[in-house]
Protein backbone atom coordinates (compact mmCIF):
# COMPACT_ATOMS: atom_id res chain seq x y z
CA MET A 1 10.01 -7.79 -14.14
CA SER A 2 10.95 -5.97 -10.98
CA PRO A 3 9.30 -7.21 -8.19
CA PHE A 4 6.00 -6.17 -6.32
CA HIS A 5 7.04 -4.54 -2.98
CA ILE A 6 4.83 -5.16 -0.33
CA MET A 7 4.46 -4.11 3.12
CA LEU A 8 3.59 -6.97 5.79
CA VAL A 9 1.90 -5.51 9.55
CA ASP A 10 0.78 -7.17 11.96
CA ASP A 11 1.87 -6.64 15.67
CA GLU A 12 2.86 -10.01 16.63
CA GLU A 13 6.38 -11.16 15.04
CA SER A 14 5.07 -15.06 14.70
CA ILE A 15 2.32 -13.80 12.50
CA LEU A 16 4.89 -11.78 10.49
CA LYS A 17 7.24 -14.67 10.09
CA SER A 18 4.81 -17.10 8.74
CA LEU A 19 3.50 -14.73 6.19
CA GLU A 20 7.21 -14.28 5.33
CA ARG A 21 7.79 -17.59 4.85
CA LEU A 22 4.46 -18.73 2.71
CA LEU A 23 5.14 -15.78 0.52
CA ARG A 24 8.53 -16.55 -0.20
CA ALA A 25 8.23 -20.20 -0.80
CA THR A 26 4.40 -19.92 -2.72
CA PRO A 27 4.59 -18.67 -6.60
CA CYS A 28 2.29 -15.53 -6.20
CA THR A 29 0.38 -15.78 -9.47
CA TYR A 30 -2.76 -14.31 -11.56
CA ASN A 31 -3.79 -15.36 -14.58
CA GLY A 32 -0.93 -17.54 -15.28
CA GLU A 33 1.44 -14.64 -14.67
CA VAL A 34 4.12 -15.61 -11.37
CA PHE A 35 4.61 -12.05 -9.80
CA PRO A 36 8.01 -11.91 -7.63
CA LEU A 37 7.65 -10.19 -4.48
CA ARG A 38 9.75 -8.02 -2.35
CA LEU A 39 8.93 -7.86 1.19
CA GLU A 40 9.11 -5.67 3.97
CA THR A 41 7.62 -6.35 8.20
CA PHE A 42 6.34 -4.20 10.54
CA THR A 43 5.23 -5.00 14.01
CA SER A 44 5.08 -1.15 14.83
CA ALA A 45 2.08 0.42 12.41
CA LYS A 46 3.87 3.85 12.92
CA ALA A 47 7.14 2.59 11.63
CA ALA A 48 5.45 1.09 8.65
CA LEU A 49 3.84 5.09 8.11
CA GLU A 50 7.24 6.62 8.27
CA ARG A 51 8.81 3.90 5.77
CA MET A 52 5.84 4.38 3.01
CA ARG A 53 6.12 7.93 3.51
CA HIS A 54 9.64 7.70 1.79
CA THR A 55 9.61 4.63 -0.22
CA PRO A 56 6.53 3.03 -2.85
CA PHE A 57 4.59 -0.10 -2.29
CA ASP A 58 2.71 -1.99 -4.22
CA LEU A 59 0.22 -3.64 -1.91
CA PHE A 60 0.05 -3.54 2.00
CA LEU A 61 -1.26 -6.36 4.32
CA SER A 62 -1.90 -5.15 7.50
CA ASP A 63 -3.54 -6.53 10.72
CA TYR A 64 -6.72 -5.16 12.12
CA ARG A 65 -6.38 -5.09 15.88
CA MET A 66 -2.77 -3.60 16.70
CA PRO A 67 -2.10 -1.70 19.47
CA GLU A 68 -0.64 2.01 18.34
CA MET A 69 -3.56 1.55 15.52
CA THR A 70 -6.38 -0.18 13.71
CA GLY A 71 -5.76 -1.40 10.33
CA VAL A 72 -8.12 0.18 9.18
CA ASP A 73 -6.97 3.52 10.56
CA PHE A 74 -3.46 2.32 9.14
CA LEU A 75 -4.60 1.39 5.55
CA LYS A 76 -6.77 4.96 5.74
CA ALA A 77 -3.40 6.47 5.95
CA THR A 78 -1.78 4.41 3.44
CA LEU A 79 -4.69 5.77 0.86
CA GLU A 80 -3.61 9.40 1.56
CA ILE A 81 -0.02 8.75 0.92
CA GLN A 82 -0.21 5.71 -2.05
CA PRO A 83 -3.40 5.72 -3.24
CA ASP A 84 -2.32 3.60 -5.65
CA ALA A 85 -1.10 0.55 -3.54
CA ALA A 86 -3.66 -2.49 -2.98
CA ARG A 87 -5.04 -2.69 0.60
CA LEU A 88 -5.80 -6.26 2.21
CA ILE A 89 -6.67 -6.95 6.15
CA LEU A 90 -5.60 -9.35 7.87
CA SER A 91 -7.69 -10.40 11.13
CA GLY A 92 -8.79 -13.05 13.70
CA TYR A 93 -11.69 -10.51 14.56
CA ALA A 94 -13.97 -9.96 12.35
CA ASP A 95 -17.70 -8.31 12.65
CA LEU A 96 -19.89 -6.75 10.16
CA ASN A 97 -19.06 -3.20 11.04
CA SER A 98 -15.59 -3.56 11.00
CA VAL A 99 -15.64 -4.81 7.51
CA ILE A 100 -17.59 -2.00 6.20
CA SER A 101 -15.38 0.54 7.65
CA ALA A 102 -12.30 -1.32 5.98
CA ILE A 103 -13.86 -1.04 2.87
CA ASN A 104 -15.89 2.25 2.55
CA ASP A 105 -12.77 3.83 4.68
CA ALA A 106 -9.61 2.49 3.37
CA HIS A 107 -10.87 1.24 0.20
CA ILE A 108 -9.54 -2.56 0.91
CA TYR A 109 -9.41 -4.84 -1.72
CA ARG A 110 -10.15 -7.91 0.50
CA PHE A 111 -10.59 -8.49 3.89
CA LEU A 112 -9.23 -11.85 5.16
CA SER A 113 -9.44 -14.05 8.65
CA LYS A 114 -6.78 -15.22 10.67
CA PRO A 115 -6.32 -18.35 10.92
CA TRP A 116 -5.62 -18.08 6.79
CA ASN A 117 -6.13 -20.67 4.35
CA ASP A 118 -2.52 -20.57 2.47
CA TYR A 119 -3.89 -20.82 -0.88
CA GLU A 120 -7.02 -17.73 -0.28
CA LEU A 121 -4.32 -15.81 0.91
CA VAL A 122 -1.80 -16.27 -2.12
CA SER A 123 -4.66 -16.09 -4.78
CA ALA A 124 -5.92 -12.91 -2.89
CA ILE A 125 -2.58 -11.21 -3.02
CA GLY A 126 -1.88 -12.25 -6.65
CA GLN A 127 -5.41 -10.99 -7.73
CA ALA A 128 -5.03 -7.46 -5.89
CA LEU A 129 -1.78 -6.74 -7.67
CA GLY A 130 -3.05 -7.55 -10.98
CA TYR A 131 -6.06 -5.26 -10.02
CA ARG A 132 -3.87 -2.95 -8.78
CA ARG A 133 -1.45 -2.80 -12.17
CA LEU A 134 -4.55 -2.38 -14.40
CA LEU A 135 -5.56 0.69 -12.13
CA VAL A 136 -2.08 1.78 -12.88
CA GLU A 137 -1.58 0.80 -16.14
CA ASN A 138 -5.74 2.93 -16.90
CA LYS A 139 -4.33 5.41 -14.53
CA HIS A 140 -1.20 6.49 -16.99
CA LEU A 141 -3.18 6.19 -20.09
CA ALA A 142 -5.82 8.48 -19.31
CA ASP A 143 -2.85 11.22 -17.62
CA ARG A 144 -1.23 10.93 -21.20
CA VAL A 145 -5.04 11.35 -22.94
CA ARG A 146 -5.15 14.28 -21.08
CA PHE A 147 -1.91 15.54 -21.89
CA GLU A 148 -2.30 15.07 -25.55
CA LYS A 149 -6.07 16.98 -25.20
CA GLY A 150 -4.31 19.83 -23.40
CA LYS A 151 -6.12 19.23 -19.95
CA ILE A 152 -3.06 19.02 -17.81
CA THR A 153 0.38 20.21 -18.74
CA ALA A 154 3.65 18.48 -19.27
CA GLU A 155 4.72 19.91 -15.95
CA GLU A 156 1.65 18.08 -13.93
CA LEU A 157 2.44 14.86 -15.96
CA GLU A 158 5.87 14.50 -14.55
CA ARG A 159 4.99 15.51 -11.06
CA ARG A 160 2.52 12.22 -11.36
CA ARG A 161 5.32 10.74 -12.72
CA LEU A 162 7.49 11.01 -9.84
CA GLU A 163 4.65 10.21 -6.97
CA ASP A 164 4.31 7.24 -8.55
CA LEU A 165 8.24 6.91 -8.30
CA GLU A 166 8.71 8.45 -5.00
CA PRO A 167 5.66 9.03 -2.82
CA GLY A 168 6.11 12.38 -1.25
CA ILE A 169 8.77 13.89 -3.88
CA THR A 170 6.48 16.60 -5.15
CA GLN A 171 5.78 18.19 -1.35
CA VAL A 172 7.21 21.06 -0.46
CA ASN A 173 7.52 21.87 3.57
CA TRP A 174 7.60 25.48 4.21
CA GLY A 175 8.89 27.13 6.89
CA GLU A 176 7.09 30.31 8.63
CA ASP A 177 9.92 32.56 6.85
CA GLY A 178 9.10 31.26 3.63
CA SER A 179 12.38 29.03 3.91
CA VAL A 180 12.03 25.04 2.43
CA ILE A 181 12.17 23.21 5.81
CA LEU A 182 13.83 19.64 4.86
CA ASP A 183 13.39 17.68 7.96
CA ASP A 184 10.59 17.99 10.45
CA LEU A 185 12.63 17.64 13.92
CA ASP A 186 9.11 17.95 16.13
CA GLU A 187 8.12 15.08 14.12
CA SER A 188 8.83 11.86 17.12
């Protein structure tokens, strides 16, 4: 089994190092199955967003309060680009409105508090990965049935498969003159 790709985002480097140490030392399991993990850490939500535009992730774990954007705003952006990924928020700040916003707007799987309980955090990640895997399998099976019933074309089935492998690969940026723009130089 290939490792599950996880993105950790927190503006505090020490938090990221603690999370990384914990997740490298503690097996992440669900239903008796061990999930190997591949971790990437970011102190900048904007840099994390740029990375996830080109690289598929299975799970995003974000701090709630960050200087560039809130964790809810970050996870809402991940929802648009990688809707099948699991999303969790880790925060020392929690009020009912922020929890509701995270669940409703960013479709988070769990809201975890800082300081975290190691067992609870690792368990939540394992549960989220197990749940995500089931959702993705169901989506693929449903697409296969849609194809067999003639509701989607072979091209659409392949487009969806490619998007799962490489987010954004099927999107084309057209210039005003009808040309294809390969790199948007105006982004900063």
